[in-house]
Protein backbone atom coordinates (compact mmCIF):
# COMPACT_ATOMS: atom_id res chain seq x y z
CA UNK A 1 0.11 -0.03 -0.09
CA UNK A 2 2.77 2.42 0.88
CA UNK A 3 4.50 1.64 -2.46
CA UNK A 4 1.27 2.33 -4.35
CA UNK A 5 0.67 5.64 -2.53
CA UNK A 6 4.21 6.92 -2.92
CA UNK A 7 4.98 5.43 -6.40
CA UNK A 8 5.54 8.82 -7.94
CA UNK A 9 8.00 9.91 -5.20
CA UNK A 10 9.93 6.56 -5.37
CA UNK A 11 10.45 7.09 -9.08
CA UNK A 12 10.54 10.64 -10.42
CA UNK A 13 11.92 9.63 -13.84
CA UNK A 14 9.95 10.75 -16.85
CA UNK A 15 8.45 8.17 -18.90
CA UNK A 16 8.77 8.11 -22.68
CA UNK A 17 5.71 9.24 -24.57
CA UNK A 18 5.48 5.78 -26.20
CA UNK A 19 5.44 4.04 -22.86
CA UNK A 20 3.04 6.36 -21.39
CA UNK A 21 0.60 5.76 -24.28
CA UNK A 22 0.93 2.02 -23.93
CA UNK A 23 0.29 2.00 -20.23
CA UNK A 24 -2.55 4.50 -20.76
CA UNK A 25 -4.27 1.81 -23.02
CA UNK A 26 -3.43 -1.27 -20.98
CA UNK A 27 -3.51 0.02 -17.37
CA UNK A 28 -6.29 2.71 -18.13
CA UNK A 29 -8.54 2.12 -20.99
CA UNK A 30 -8.89 -1.68 -20.71
CA UNK A 31 -9.75 -1.67 -16.87
CA UNK A 32 -12.13 1.16 -17.64
CA UNK A 33 -13.94 -1.08 -20.11
CA UNK A 34 -14.12 -3.84 -17.51
CA UNK A 35 -15.71 -1.24 -15.08
CA UNK A 36 -18.15 -0.23 -17.80
CA UNK A 37 -19.07 -3.94 -18.29
CA UNK A 38 -19.82 -4.23 -14.51
CA UNK A 39 -21.85 -1.05 -14.49
CA UNK A 40 -23.86 -2.24 -17.47
CA UNK A 41 -24.71 -5.67 -15.75
CA UNK A 42 -25.80 -3.94 -12.51
CA UNK A 43 -27.82 -1.29 -14.31
CA UNK A 44 -29.45 -3.63 -16.79
CA UNK A 45 -29.91 -6.74 -14.73
CA UNK A 46 -29.86 -5.88 -11.01
CA UNK A 47 -31.62 -2.50 -10.55
CA UNK A 48 -34.75 -3.47 -12.74
CA UNK A 49 -35.63 -5.71 -9.81
CA UNK A 50 -36.57 -2.66 -7.72
CA UNK A 51 -33.31 -0.88 -6.91
CA UNK A 52 -32.63 -0.14 -3.24
CA UNK A 53 -35.50 -0.38 -0.66
CA UNK A 54 -37.50 2.61 -0.12
CA UNK A 55 -35.38 4.89 -2.53
CA UNK A 56 -38.57 6.09 -4.29
CA UNK A 57 -39.93 7.19 -0.84
CA UNK A 58 -36.54 8.97 -0.17
CA UNK A 59 -37.01 11.13 -3.34
CA UNK A 60 -40.40 12.01 -2.41
CA UNK A 61 -39.48 13.02 1.21
CA UNK A 62 -36.68 15.10 -0.32
CA UNK A 63 -39.15 16.87 -2.57
CA UNK A 64 -41.39 17.64 0.44
CA UNK A 65 -38.55 19.72 1.98
CA UNK A 66 -37.92 21.93 -0.92
CA UNK A 67 -37.92 25.74 -0.38
CA UNK A 68 -36.41 28.44 -2.66
CA UNK A 69 -33.17 28.74 -0.51
CA UNK A 70 -32.55 24.92 -0.81
CA UNK A 71 -33.48 24.94 -4.41
CA UNK A 72 -30.85 27.53 -5.06
CA UNK A 73 -28.19 25.84 -2.95
CA UNK A 74 -28.85 22.45 -4.61
CA UNK A 75 -28.55 24.03 -8.07
CA UNK A 76 -25.27 25.71 -7.34
CA UNK A 77 -23.81 22.59 -6.00
CA UNK A 78 -25.07 20.39 -8.82
CA UNK A 79 -23.78 22.79 -11.51
CA UNK A 80 -20.41 23.13 -9.88
CA UNK A 81 -20.06 19.24 -10.00
CA UNK A 82 -21.46 19.07 -13.59
CA UNK A 83 -20.20 18.19 -16.97
CA UNK A 84 -18.27 21.59 -17.32
CA UNK A 85 -17.16 21.90 -13.66
CA UNK A 86 -15.35 18.58 -13.39
CA UNK A 87 -13.18 18.82 -16.54
CA UNK A 88 -12.35 22.54 -15.89
CA UNK A 89 -11.29 21.67 -12.32
CA UNK A 90 -9.05 18.80 -13.80
CA UNK A 91 -7.58 21.10 -16.30
CA UNK A 92 -6.66 23.73 -13.67
CA UNK A 93 -5.22 20.97 -11.48
CA UNK A 94 -3.09 19.89 -14.41
CA UNK A 95 -1.79 23.39 -14.98
CA UNK A 96 -0.97 23.97 -11.34
CA UNK A 97 0.62 20.52 -10.78
CA UNK A 98 2.69 20.81 -13.91
CA UNK A 99 4.01 24.22 -12.94
CA UNK A 100 4.64 23.18 -9.34
CA UNK A 101 6.25 19.73 -9.91
CA UNK A 102 7.51 19.89 -13.43
CA UNK A 103 6.10 16.29 -13.86
CA UNK A 104 3.57 16.32 -16.80
CA UNK A 105 2.83 12.63 -16.09
CA UNK A 106 1.90 13.33 -12.51
CA UNK A 107 -0.24 16.32 -13.43
CA UNK A 108 -2.21 14.14 -15.84
CA UNK A 109 -3.55 11.97 -13.06
CA UNK A 110 -6.69 13.93 -12.27
CA UNK A 111 -7.35 14.65 -15.98
CA UNK A 112 -6.96 11.02 -16.97
CA UNK A 113 -9.15 9.77 -14.11
CA UNK A 114 -12.04 12.18 -14.93
CA UNK A 115 -11.84 11.22 -18.57
CA UNK A 116 -12.17 7.51 -17.71
CA UNK A 117 -14.93 8.31 -15.38
CA UNK A 118 -16.70 10.21 -18.03
CA UNK A 119 -16.19 7.41 -20.48
CA UNK A 120 -17.78 4.93 -18.26
CA UNK A 121 -20.53 7.10 -16.92
CA UNK A 122 -21.74 8.29 -20.46
CA UNK A 123 -21.40 4.83 -21.91
CA UNK A 124 -23.37 3.20 -19.06
CA UNK A 125 -26.09 5.84 -19.01
CA UNK A 126 -26.58 5.47 -22.76
CA UNK A 127 -26.57 1.55 -22.57
CA UNK A 128 -28.83 1.20 -19.54
CA UNK A 129 -31.25 3.96 -20.07
CA UNK A 130 -32.82 3.99 -16.75
CA UNK A 131 -35.68 6.41 -16.22
CA UNK A 132 -35.61 9.33 -13.85
CA UNK A 133 -37.29 8.88 -10.49
CA UNK A 134 -41.08 8.79 -10.82
CA UNK A 135 -43.48 10.88 -8.74
CA UNK A 136 -41.03 13.83 -8.24
CA UNK A 137 -40.39 16.96 -10.27
CA UNK A 138 -37.02 16.99 -11.86
CA UNK A 139 -35.50 20.46 -11.20
CA UNK A 140 -32.52 20.17 -13.57
CA UNK A 141 -32.11 19.39 -17.28
CA UNK A 142 -31.03 15.99 -18.58
CA UNK A 143 -32.12 13.09 -20.61
CA UNK A 144 -35.15 11.34 -19.24
CA UNK A 145 -33.58 7.88 -19.59
CA UNK A 146 -30.03 8.66 -18.30
CA UNK A 147 -30.60 8.24 -14.55
CA UNK A 148 -27.96 5.50 -13.82
CA UNK A 149 -25.29 6.13 -12.93
CA UNK A 150 -24.93 9.66 -11.55
CA UNK A 151 -22.17 11.43 -13.46
CA UNK A 152 -22.21 14.29 -11.05
CA UNK A 153 -21.53 12.13 -8.07
CA UNK A 154 -19.05 10.02 -10.08
CA UNK A 155 -16.96 13.05 -11.11
CA UNK A 156 -16.96 14.57 -7.69
CA UNK A 157 -15.64 11.33 -6.13
CA UNK A 158 -13.11 10.78 -8.87
CA UNK A 159 -11.71 14.29 -8.47
CA UNK A 160 -11.55 14.32 -4.70
CA UNK A 161 -9.98 10.83 -4.54
CA UNK A 162 -7.45 11.85 -7.25
CA UNK A 163 -6.48 14.93 -5.13
CA UNK A 164 -6.36 12.85 -1.97
CA UNK A 165 -4.01 10.37 -3.58
CA UNK A 166 -1.79 13.23 -4.84
CA UNK A 167 -1.78 14.91 -1.35
CA UNK A 168 -1.28 11.75 0.61
CA UNK A 169 1.62 10.79 -1.58
CA UNK A 170 3.30 14.17 -1.20
CA UNK A 171 5.09 15.63 1.73
CA UNK A 172 2.23 18.06 2.45
CA UNK A 173 1.54 18.94 5.99
CA UNK A 174 -0.66 16.87 8.05
CA UNK A 175 -3.40 19.74 8.14
CA UNK A 176 -3.56 19.84 4.30
CA UNK A 177 -3.95 15.93 4.14
CA UNK A 178 -6.75 16.18 6.68
CA UNK A 179 -8.36 19.00 4.79
CA UNK A 180 -8.36 16.99 1.54
CA UNK A 181 -9.64 13.95 3.34
CA UNK A 182 -12.61 15.88 4.70
CA UNK A 183 -13.32 17.34 1.27
CA UNK A 184 -13.22 13.72 -0.10
CA UNK A 185 -16.05 12.76 2.13
CA UNK A 186 -18.07 16.15 2.40
CA UNK A 187 -18.05 17.22 -1.29
CA UNK A 188 -19.36 14.05 -2.96
CA UNK A 189 -22.13 13.84 -0.17
CA UNK A 190 -23.18 17.35 -0.89
CA UNK A 191 -23.25 16.59 -4.67
CA UNK A 192 -25.15 13.31 -4.19
CA UNK A 193 -27.69 15.03 -1.69
CA UNK A 194 -28.28 17.84 -4.36
CA UNK A 195 -28.86 15.43 -7.27
CA UNK A 196 -31.52 13.49 -5.15
CA UNK A 197 -33.04 16.65 -3.90
CA UNK A 198 -33.41 17.92 -7.49
CA UNK A 199 -35.25 14.68 -8.40
CA UNK A 200 -32.60 13.68 -10.94
CA UNK A 201 -31.41 10.38 -9.54
CA UNK A 202 -32.40 7.44 -7.32
CA UNK A 203 -30.03 6.73 -4.40
CA UNK A 204 -28.68 3.71 -6.19
CA UNK A 205 -27.67 5.96 -9.17
CA UNK A 206 -25.70 8.21 -6.70
CA UNK A 207 -24.06 4.94 -5.08
CA UNK A 208 -23.34 3.54 -8.56
CA UNK A 209 -21.72 6.77 -9.65
CA UNK A 210 -19.60 6.89 -6.34
CA UNK A 211 -18.21 3.45 -7.11
CA UNK A 212 -17.48 4.27 -10.72
CA UNK A 213 -15.79 7.52 -9.67
CA UNK A 214 -13.63 5.82 -7.02
CA UNK A 215 -12.49 3.13 -9.22
CA UNK A 216 -11.69 5.51 -12.12
CA UNK A 217 -9.49 7.50 -9.81
CA UNK A 218 -7.57 4.40 -8.79
CA UNK A 219 -7.20 3.42 -12.26
CA UNK A 220 -5.93 6.86 -13.12
CA UNK A 221 -3.41 6.78 -10.33
CA UNK A 222 -2.27 3.20 -11.49
CA UNK A 223 -2.15 4.18 -15.28
CA UNK A 224 1.55 5.33 -15.21
CA UNK A 225 3.96 2.35 -14.57
CA UNK A 226 6.43 3.14 -11.79
CA UNK A 227 9.01 1.17 -10.08
CA UNK A 228 6.94 1.43 -6.92
CA UNK A 229 3.91 -0.29 -8.26
């Protein structure tokens, strides 16, 4: 585990573009396709049997708590974690990390992770075609048959875990590591709550997105072959 976390510090040598491209395919794209297959099986053959118990009631109870202030807060959180927010954040992280470390291969970790998460999420949503929650008003735009998995939750988990891995593998102060760890938990929870509150997802969609995001982040971290792992 220690070697896995500190692999970029144990080996700071630059990979060749050719070896990086090979590892991006073998250690990145192929595992992501396996993840997509698992997501498809769950969405197509498991969730149609009712999903999680009482998740419809959860959506309806959240609708009953709606107020203008909560509507605005949920919309702000949801848009910040959306299809634009996550890639922009990953691009900014790439620019900052490359300038601070001089290691383009390390700076690519969040960007690669988010790209893999987006590939799995969008493909699974298209293949599964799960309907949005019934009996509640959808307060955001989106395809009516793209409920599973939640891309917003997946992207937020993917980004936060990527940042956590980068922070925990560095010599950052303990306070910084603790702060990133708290963000890893708090931000995806806020995003998931906002998506359920807005009526855009079932609870199982959010959980599925969280698993996809976490695995995509681990794949992104594992993509570049290092002597440490």
